[in-house]
Amino acid sequence: MNAHEWDRLTMAVVACALANDGEGAAALLEPLDARDVSHVTVRLAAMAAEALLQEADAAGVGRAEVLGRWQARILDHEARPAE
């Protein structure tokens, strides 16, 4: 796949996530091998980080503040008991 196709697939997975459609996301990823799924995973993380930074920039918050808030979310998540 070229970069455009990877982005299109990754955005489709995000659309499934926003629609709470885990089965749809799984269907998109099912034909891929493990390396390709890893590629999509990394692209998803990059897109999420980019979106967070864009929102932070619009709110006048810097990269360090975004990172601090993200780390706080991680710590909060880890402090909660597993379900």
PDB file of N, CA and C in Angstrom:
ATOM      1  N   MET A   1       0.844  -1.182   0.000  1.00  0.00           N
ATOM      2  CA  MET A   1       0.000   0.000   0.000  1.00  0.00           C
ATOM      3  C   MET A   1       0.890   1.247   0.000  1.00  0.00           C
ATOM      4  N   ASN A   2       0.392   2.298  -0.630  1.00  0.00           N
ATOM      5  CA  ASN A   2       1.109   3.563  -0.565  1.00  0.00           C
ATOM      6  C   ASN A   2       0.613   4.346   0.660  1.00  0.00           C
ATOM      7  N   ALA A   3       1.244   5.490   0.928  1.00  0.00           N
ATOM      8  CA  ALA A   3       0.920   6.271   2.126  1.00  0.00           C
ATOM      9  C   ALA A   3      -0.552   6.679   2.156  1.00  0.00           C
ATOM     10  N   HIS A   4      -1.098   7.061   1.009  1.00  0.00           N
ATOM     11  CA  HIS A   4      -2.503   7.458   0.949  1.00  0.00           C
ATOM     12  C   HIS A   4      -3.417   6.292   1.331  1.00  0.00           C
ATOM     13  N   GLU A   5      -3.119   5.112   0.837  1.00  0.00           N
ATOM     14  CA  GLU A   5      -3.941   3.935   1.145  1.00  0.00           C
ATOM     15  C   GLU A   5      -3.845   3.567   2.619  1.00  0.00           C
ATOM     16  N   TRP A   6      -2.621   3.670   3.188  1.00  0.00           N
ATOM     17  CA  TRP A   6      -2.465   3.399   4.628  1.00  0.00           C
ATOM     18  C   TRP A   6      -3.297   4.380   5.445  1.00  0.00           C
ATOM     19  N   ASP A   7      -3.226   5.661   5.080  1.00  0.00           N
ATOM     20  CA  ASP A   7      -3.995   6.662   5.804  1.00  0.00           C
ATOM     21  C   ASP A   7      -5.492   6.414   5.665  1.00  0.00           C
ATOM     22  N   ARG A   8      -5.932   6.047   4.467  1.00  0.00           N
ATOM     23  CA  ARG A   8      -7.354   5.773   4.248  1.00  0.00           C
ATOM     24  C   ARG A   8      -7.830   4.611   5.122  1.00  0.00           C
ATOM     25  N   LEU A   9      -7.032   3.544   5.182  1.00  0.00           N
ATOM     26  CA  LEU A   9      -7.383   2.403   6.032  1.00  0.00           C
ATOM     27  C   LEU A   9      -7.401   2.808   7.499  1.00  0.00           C
ATOM     28  N   THR A  10      -6.395   3.552   7.910  1.00  0.00           N
ATOM     29  CA  THR A  10      -6.308   3.978   9.307  1.00  0.00           C
ATOM     30  C   THR A  10      -7.498   4.859   9.672  1.00  0.00           C
ATOM     31  N   MET A  11      -7.870   5.779   8.790  1.00  0.00           N
ATOM     32  CA  MET A  11      -9.023   6.641   9.051  1.00  0.00           C
ATOM     33  C   MET A  11     -10.320   5.836   9.099  1.00  0.00           C
ATOM     34  N   ALA A  12     -10.409   4.795   8.311  1.00  0.00           N
ATOM     35  CA  ALA A  12     -11.592   3.933   8.358  1.00  0.00           C
ATOM     36  C   ALA A  12     -11.677   3.210   9.700  1.00  0.00           C
ATOM     37  N   VAL A  13     -10.538   2.787  10.231  1.00  0.00           N
ATOM     38  CA  VAL A  13     -10.524   2.152  11.551  1.00  0.00           C
ATOM     39  C   VAL A  13     -10.959   3.157  12.615  1.00  0.00           C
ATOM     40  N   VAL A  14     -10.492   4.399  12.508  1.00  0.00           N
ATOM     41  CA  VAL A  14     -10.908   5.452  13.444  1.00  0.00           C
ATOM     42  C   VAL A  14     -12.413   5.678  13.339  1.00  0.00           C
ATOM     43  N   ALA A  15     -12.937   5.723  12.129  1.00  0.00           N
ATOM     44  CA  ALA A  15     -14.381   5.902  11.942  1.00  0.00           C
ATOM     45  C   ALA A  15     -15.153   4.776  12.621  1.00  0.00           C
ATOM     46  N   CYS A  16     -14.662   3.552  12.502  1.00  0.00           N
ATOM     47  CA  CYS A  16     -15.306   2.426  13.188  1.00  0.00           C
ATOM     48  C   CYS A  16     -15.264   2.620  14.700  1.00  0.00           C
ATOM     49  N   ALA A  17     -14.118   3.067  15.211  1.00  0.00           N
ATOM     50  CA  ALA A  17     -13.995   3.292  16.651  1.00  0.00           C
ATOM     51  C   ALA A  17     -14.971   4.364  17.118  1.00  0.00           C
ATOM     52  N   LEU A  18     -15.083   5.451  16.355  1.00  0.00           N
ATOM     53  CA  LEU A  18     -16.009   6.518  16.719  1.00  0.00           C
ATOM     54  C   LEU A  18     -17.458   6.045  16.689  1.00  0.00           C
ATOM     55  N   ALA A  19     -17.748   5.083  15.827  1.00  0.00           N
ATOM     56  CA  ALA A  19     -19.093   4.525  15.728  1.00  0.00           C
ATOM     57  C   ALA A  19     -19.291   3.342  16.682  1.00  0.00           C
ATOM     58  N   ASN A  20     -18.281   3.079  17.508  1.00  0.00           N
ATOM     59  CA  ASN A  20     -18.316   1.939  18.440  1.00  0.00           C
ATOM     60  C   ASN A  20     -18.547   0.629  17.695  1.00  0.00           C
ATOM     61  N   ASP A  21     -17.888   0.492  16.546  1.00  0.00           N
ATOM     62  CA  ASP A  21     -18.041  -0.682  15.683  1.00  0.00           C
ATOM     63  C   ASP A  21     -16.752  -1.502  15.687  1.00  0.00           C
ATOM     64  N   GLY A  22     -16.538  -2.242  16.760  1.00  0.00           N
ATOM     65  CA  GLY A  22     -15.353  -3.082  16.864  1.00  0.00           C
ATOM     66  C   GLY A  22     -15.302  -4.156  15.798  1.00  0.00           C
ATOM     67  N   GLU A  23     -16.463  -4.688  15.443  1.00  0.00           N
ATOM     68  CA  GLU A  23     -16.495  -5.722  14.407  1.00  0.00           C
ATOM     69  C   GLU A  23     -16.076  -5.156  13.052  1.00  0.00           C
ATOM     70  N   GLY A  24     -16.488  -3.937  12.757  1.00  0.00           N
ATOM     71  CA  GLY A  24     -16.094  -3.305  11.502  1.00  0.00           C
ATOM     72  C   GLY A  24     -14.592  -3.070  11.450  1.00  0.00           C
ATOM     73  N   ALA A  25     -14.031  -2.586  12.569  1.00  0.00           N
ATOM     74  CA  ALA A  25     -12.582  -2.367  12.635  1.00  0.00           C
ATOM     75  C   ALA A  25     -11.845  -3.685  12.471  1.00  0.00           C
ATOM     76  N   ALA A  26     -12.336  -4.720  13.140  1.00  0.00           N
ATOM     77  CA  ALA A  26     -11.700  -6.037  13.028  1.00  0.00           C
ATOM     78  C   ALA A  26     -11.761  -6.556  11.597  1.00  0.00           C
ATOM     79  N   ALA A  27     -12.875  -6.316  10.925  1.00  0.00           N
ATOM     80  CA  ALA A  27     -13.009  -6.762   9.539  1.00  0.00           C
ATOM     81  C   ALA A  27     -12.016  -6.041   8.627  1.00  0.00           C
ATOM     82  N   LEU A  28     -11.768  -4.768   8.898  1.00  0.00           N
ATOM     83  CA  LEU A  28     -10.792  -4.028   8.106  1.00  0.00           C
ATOM     84  C   LEU A  28      -9.375  -4.558   8.317  1.00  0.00           C
ATOM     85  N   LEU A  29      -9.080  -4.964   9.541  1.00  0.00           N
ATOM     86  CA  LEU A  29      -7.728  -5.415   9.881  1.00  0.00           C
ATOM     87  C   LEU A  29      -7.501  -6.903   9.603  1.00  0.00           C
ATOM     88  N   GLU A  30      -8.562  -7.671   9.510  1.00  0.00           N
ATOM     89  CA  GLU A  30      -8.466  -9.139   9.383  1.00  0.00           C
ATOM     90  C   GLU A  30      -7.587  -9.615   8.230  1.00  0.00           C
ATOM     91  N   PRO A  31      -7.669  -9.010   7.048  1.00  0.00           N
ATOM     92  CA  PRO A  31      -6.842  -9.526   5.946  1.00  0.00           C
ATOM     93  C   PRO A  31      -5.353  -9.166   6.042  1.00  0.00           C
ATOM     94  N   LEU A  32      -4.990  -8.336   7.011  1.00  0.00           N
ATOM     95  CA  LEU A  32      -3.606  -7.885   7.126  1.00  0.00           C
ATOM     96  C   LEU A  32      -2.762  -8.870   7.922  1.00  0.00           C
ATOM     97  N   ASP A  33      -1.479  -8.931   7.602  1.00  0.00           N
ATOM     98  CA  ASP A  33      -0.582  -9.734   8.434  1.00  0.00           C
ATOM     99  C   ASP A  33      -0.169  -8.895   9.644  1.00  0.00           C
ATOM    100  N   ALA A  34       0.538  -9.515  10.577  1.00  0.00           N
ATOM    101  CA  ALA A  34       0.888  -8.853  11.838  1.00  0.00           C
ATOM    102  C   ALA A  34       1.706  -7.582  11.609  1.00  0.00           C
ATOM    103  N   ARG A  35       2.614  -7.612  10.660  1.00  0.00           N
ATOM    104  CA  ARG A  35       3.439  -6.426  10.384  1.00  0.00           C
ATOM    105  C   ARG A  35       2.572  -5.262   9.890  1.00  0.00           C
ATOM    106  N   ASP A  36       1.607  -5.553   9.033  1.00  0.00           N
ATOM    107  CA  ASP A  36       0.730  -4.507   8.526  1.00  0.00           C
ATOM    108  C   ASP A  36      -0.188  -3.962   9.622  1.00  0.00           C
ATOM    109  N   VAL A  37      -0.664  -4.841  10.506  1.00  0.00           N
ATOM    110  CA  VAL A  37      -1.479  -4.384  11.630  1.00  0.00           C
ATOM    111  C   VAL A  37      -0.643  -3.473  12.525  1.00  0.00           C
ATOM    112  N   SER A  38       0.622  -3.816  12.716  1.00  0.00           N
ATOM    113  CA  SER A  38       1.522  -2.959  13.491  1.00  0.00           C
ATOM    114  C   SER A  38       1.674  -1.600  12.822  1.00  0.00           C
ATOM    115  N   HIS A  39       1.765  -1.601  11.511  1.00  0.00           N
ATOM    116  CA  HIS A  39       1.884  -0.344  10.764  1.00  0.00           C
ATOM    117  C   HIS A  39       0.655   0.532  11.013  1.00  0.00           C
ATOM    118  N   VAL A  40      -0.527  -0.052  10.960  1.00  0.00           N
ATOM    119  CA  VAL A  40      -1.761   0.692  11.210  1.00  0.00           C
ATOM    120  C   VAL A  40      -1.784   1.186  12.655  1.00  0.00           C
ATOM    121  N   THR A  41      -1.345   0.374  13.586  1.00  0.00           N
ATOM    122  CA  THR A  41      -1.324   0.753  14.994  1.00  0.00           C
ATOM    123  C   THR A  41      -0.446   1.978  15.222  1.00  0.00           C
ATOM    124  N   VAL A  42       0.728   1.972  14.625  1.00  0.00           N
ATOM    125  CA  VAL A  42       1.631   3.120  14.756  1.00  0.00           C
ATOM    126  C   VAL A  42       1.009   4.353  14.108  1.00  0.00           C
ATOM    127  N   ARG A  43       0.378   4.176  12.972  1.00  0.00           N
ATOM    128  CA  ARG A  43      -0.270   5.310  12.292  1.00  0.00           C
ATOM    129  C   ARG A  43      -1.417   5.856  13.140  1.00  0.00           C
ATOM    130  N   LEU A  44      -2.173   4.964  13.792  1.00  0.00           N
ATOM    131  CA  LEU A  44      -3.249   5.405  14.684  1.00  0.00           C
ATOM    132  C   LEU A  44      -2.690   6.251  15.823  1.00  0.00           C
ATOM    133  N   ALA A  45      -1.596   5.799  16.418  1.00  0.00           N
ATOM    134  CA  ALA A  45      -0.975   6.558  17.508  1.00  0.00           C
ATOM    135  C   ALA A  45      -0.501   7.922  17.015  1.00  0.00           C
ATOM    136  N   ALA A  46       0.090   7.965  15.827  1.00  0.00           N
ATOM    137  CA  ALA A  46       0.562   9.235  15.272  1.00  0.00           C
ATOM    138  C   ALA A  46      -0.602  10.186  15.012  1.00  0.00           C
ATOM    139  N   MET A  47      -1.701   9.654  14.475  1.00  0.00           N
ATOM    140  CA  MET A  47      -2.865  10.493  14.214  1.00  0.00           C
ATOM    141  C   MET A  47      -3.469  11.015  15.516  1.00  0.00           C
ATOM    142  N   ALA A  48      -3.522  10.177  16.535  1.00  0.00           N
ATOM    143  CA  ALA A  48      -4.059  10.604  17.832  1.00  0.00           C
ATOM    144  C   ALA A  48      -3.189  11.702  18.430  1.00  0.00           C
ATOM    145  N   ALA A  49      -1.884  11.523  18.373  1.00  0.00           N
ATOM    146  CA  ALA A  49      -0.973  12.537  18.908  1.00  0.00           C
ATOM    147  C   ALA A  49      -1.119  13.850  18.145  1.00  0.00           C
ATOM    148  N   GLU A  50      -1.213  13.762  16.844  1.00  0.00           N
ATOM    149  CA  GLU A  50      -1.377  14.960  16.021  1.00  0.00           C
ATOM    150  C   GLU A  50      -2.669  15.693  16.368  1.00  0.00           C
ATOM    151  N   ALA A  51      -3.747  14.941  16.553  1.00  0.00           N
ATOM    152  CA  ALA A  51      -5.033  15.554  16.906  1.00  0.00           C
ATOM    153  C   ALA A  51      -4.955  16.225  18.277  1.00  0.00           C
ATOM    154  N   LEU A  52      -4.315  15.556  19.237  1.00  0.00           N
ATOM    155  CA  LEU A  52      -4.157  16.153  20.564  1.00  0.00           C
ATOM    156  C   LEU A  52      -3.365  17.452  20.493  1.00  0.00           C
ATOM    157  N   LEU A  53      -2.295  17.461  19.724  1.00  0.00           N
ATOM    158  CA  LEU A  53      -1.472  18.662  19.608  1.00  0.00           C
ATOM    159  C   LEU A  53      -2.208  19.792  18.893  1.00  0.00           C
ATOM    160  N   GLN A  54      -3.006  19.455  17.893  1.00  0.00           N
ATOM    161  CA  GLN A  54      -3.787  20.479  17.196  1.00  0.00           C
ATOM    162  C   GLN A  54      -4.810  21.108  18.133  1.00  0.00           C
ATOM    163  N   GLU A  55      -5.478  20.284  18.928  1.00  0.00           N
ATOM    164  CA  GLU A  55      -6.454  20.800  19.887  1.00  0.00           C
ATOM    165  C   GLU A  55      -5.767  21.639  20.960  1.00  0.00           C
ATOM    166  N   ALA A  56      -4.612  21.180  21.411  1.00  0.00           N
ATOM    167  CA  ALA A  56      -3.860  21.931  22.417  1.00  0.00           C
ATOM    168  C   ALA A  56      -3.440  23.284  21.868  1.00  0.00           C
ATOM    169  N   ASP A  57      -2.973  23.289  20.623  1.00  0.00           N
ATOM    170  CA  ASP A  57      -2.546  24.530  19.999  1.00  0.00           C
ATOM    171  C   ASP A  57      -3.721  25.507  19.900  1.00  0.00           C
ATOM    172  N   ALA A  58      -4.876  24.993  19.526  1.00  0.00           N
ATOM    173  CA  ALA A  58      -6.071  25.838  19.418  1.00  0.00           C
ATOM    174  C   ALA A  58      -6.478  26.398  20.782  1.00  0.00           C
ATOM    175  N   ALA A  59      -6.171  25.667  21.848  1.00  0.00           N
ATOM    176  CA  ALA A  59      -6.512  26.108  23.200  1.00  0.00           C
ATOM    177  C   ALA A  59      -5.382  26.909  23.850  1.00  0.00           C
ATOM    178  N   GLY A  60      -4.272  27.069  23.125  1.00  0.00           N
ATOM    179  CA  GLY A  60      -3.145  27.813  23.666  1.00  0.00           C
ATOM    180  C   GLY A  60      -2.314  27.038  24.666  1.00  0.00           C
ATOM    181  N   VAL A  61      -2.348  25.725  24.561  1.00  0.00           N
ATOM    182  CA  VAL A  61      -1.601  24.857  25.475  1.00  0.00           C
ATOM    183  C   VAL A  61      -0.405  24.283  24.711  1.00  0.00           C
ATOM    184  N   GLY A  62       0.755  24.234  25.350  1.00  0.00           N
ATOM    185  CA  GLY A  62       1.953  23.731  24.700  1.00  0.00           C
ATOM    186  C   GLY A  62       2.094  22.223  24.759  1.00  0.00           C
ATOM    187  N   ARG A  63       3.082  21.729  24.022  1.00  0.00           N
ATOM    188  CA  ARG A  63       3.365  20.293  23.945  1.00  0.00           C
ATOM    189  C   ARG A  63       3.645  19.699  25.328  1.00  0.00           C
ATOM    190  N   ALA A  64       4.399  20.407  26.165  1.00  0.00           N
ATOM    191  CA  ALA A  64       4.726  19.901  27.498  1.00  0.00           C
ATOM    192  C   ALA A  64       3.474  19.711  28.346  1.00  0.00           C
ATOM    193  N   GLU A  65       2.535  20.651  28.231  1.00  0.00           N
ATOM    194  CA  GLU A  65       1.277  20.540  28.977  1.00  0.00           C
ATOM    195  C   GLU A  65       0.462  19.344  28.485  1.00  0.00           C
ATOM    196  N   VAL A  66       0.416  19.147  27.172  1.00  0.00           N
ATOM    197  CA  VAL A  66      -0.302  18.003  26.610  1.00  0.00           C
ATOM    198  C   VAL A  66       0.313  16.701  27.133  1.00  0.00           C
ATOM    199  N   LEU A  67       1.636  16.627  27.095  1.00  0.00           N
ATOM    200  CA  LEU A  67       2.309  15.426  27.586  1.00  0.00           C
ATOM    201  C   LEU A  67       2.002  15.202  29.062  1.00  0.00           C
ATOM    202  N   GLY A  68       2.037  16.246  29.851  1.00  0.00           N
ATOM    203  CA  GLY A  68       1.727  16.124  31.279  1.00  0.00           C
ATOM    204  C   GLY A  68       0.312  15.631  31.523  1.00  0.00           C
ATOM    205  N   ARG A  69      -0.625  16.167  30.755  1.00  0.00           N
ATOM    206  CA  ARG A  69      -2.022  15.725  30.897  1.00  0.00           C
ATOM    207  C   ARG A  69      -2.173  14.266  30.468  1.00  0.00           C
ATOM    208  N   TRP A  70      -1.488  13.883  29.395  1.00  0.00           N
ATOM    209  CA  TRP A  70      -1.560  12.495  28.928  1.00  0.00           C
ATOM    210  C   TRP A  70      -0.975  11.558  29.972  1.00  0.00           C
ATOM    211  N   GLN A  71       0.149  11.937  30.558  1.00  0.00           N
ATOM    212  CA  GLN A  71       0.763  11.113  31.601  1.00  0.00           C
ATOM    213  C   GLN A  71      -0.163  10.996  32.806  1.00  0.00           C
ATOM    214  N   ALA A  72      -0.856  12.068  33.146  1.00  0.00           N
ATOM    215  CA  ALA A  72      -1.816  12.014  34.255  1.00  0.00           C
ATOM    216  C   ALA A  72      -2.950  11.050  33.943  1.00  0.00           C
ATOM    217  N   ARG A  73      -3.396  11.040  32.676  1.00  0.00           N
ATOM    218  CA  ARG A  73      -4.451  10.087  32.278  1.00  0.00           C
ATOM    219  C   ARG A  73      -3.973   8.649  32.414  1.00  0.00           C
ATOM    220  N   ILE A  74      -2.727   8.411  32.024  1.00  0.00           N
ATOM    221  CA  ILE A  74      -2.158   7.063  32.145  1.00  0.00           C
ATOM    222  C   ILE A  74      -2.128   6.644  33.610  1.00  0.00           C
ATOM    223  N   LEU A  75      -1.642   7.530  34.470  1.00  0.00           N
ATOM    224  CA  LEU A  75      -1.568   7.217  35.902  1.00  0.00           C
ATOM    225  C   LEU A  75      -2.954   6.981  36.481  1.00  0.00           C
ATOM    226  N   ASP A  76      -3.925   7.790  36.069  1.00  0.00           N
ATOM    227  CA  ASP A  76      -5.306   7.608  36.527  1.00  0.00           C
ATOM    228  C   ASP A  76      -5.842   6.236  36.094  1.00  0.00           C
ATOM    229  N   HIS A  77      -5.568   5.884  34.853  1.00  0.00           N
ATOM    230  CA  HIS A  77      -6.015   4.594  34.327  1.00  0.00           C
ATOM    231  C   HIS A  77      -5.379   3.444  35.106  1.00  0.00           C
ATOM    232  N   GLU A  78      -4.102   3.554  35.378  1.00  0.00           N
ATOM    233  CA  GLU A  78      -3.393   2.493  36.095  1.00  0.00           C
ATOM    234  C   GLU A  78      -3.830   2.365  37.552  1.00  0.00           C
ATOM    235  N   ALA A  79      -4.338   3.451  38.110  1.00  0.00           N
ATOM    236  CA  ALA A  79      -4.780   3.434  39.506  1.00  0.00           C
ATOM    237  C   ALA A  79      -6.138   2.755  39.668  1.00  0.00           C
ATOM    238  N   ARG A  80      -6.887   2.666  38.577  1.00  0.00           N
ATOM    239  CA  ARG A  80      -8.204   2.020  38.643  1.00  0.00           C
ATOM    240  C   ARG A  80      -8.063   0.505  38.616  1.00  0.00           C
ATOM    241  N   PRO A  81      -8.900  -0.192  39.368  1.00  0.00           N
ATOM    242  CA  PRO A  81      -8.835  -1.658  39.324  1.00  0.00           C
ATOM    243  C   PRO A  81      -9.269  -2.208  37.985  1.00  0.00           C
ATOM    244  N   ALA A  82      -8.651  -3.313  37.597  1.00  0.00           N
ATOM    245  CA  ALA A  82      -9.017  -3.974  36.340  1.00  0.00           C
ATOM    246  C   ALA A  82     -10.424  -4.536  36.463  1.00  0.00           C
ATOM    247  N   GLU A  83     -11.141  -4.497  35.339  1.00  0.00           N
ATOM    248  CA  GLU A  83     -12.510  -5.029  35.333  1.00  0.00           C
ATOM    249  C   GLU A  83     -12.522  -6.486  35.002  1.00  0.00           C
TER     250      GLU A  83
END
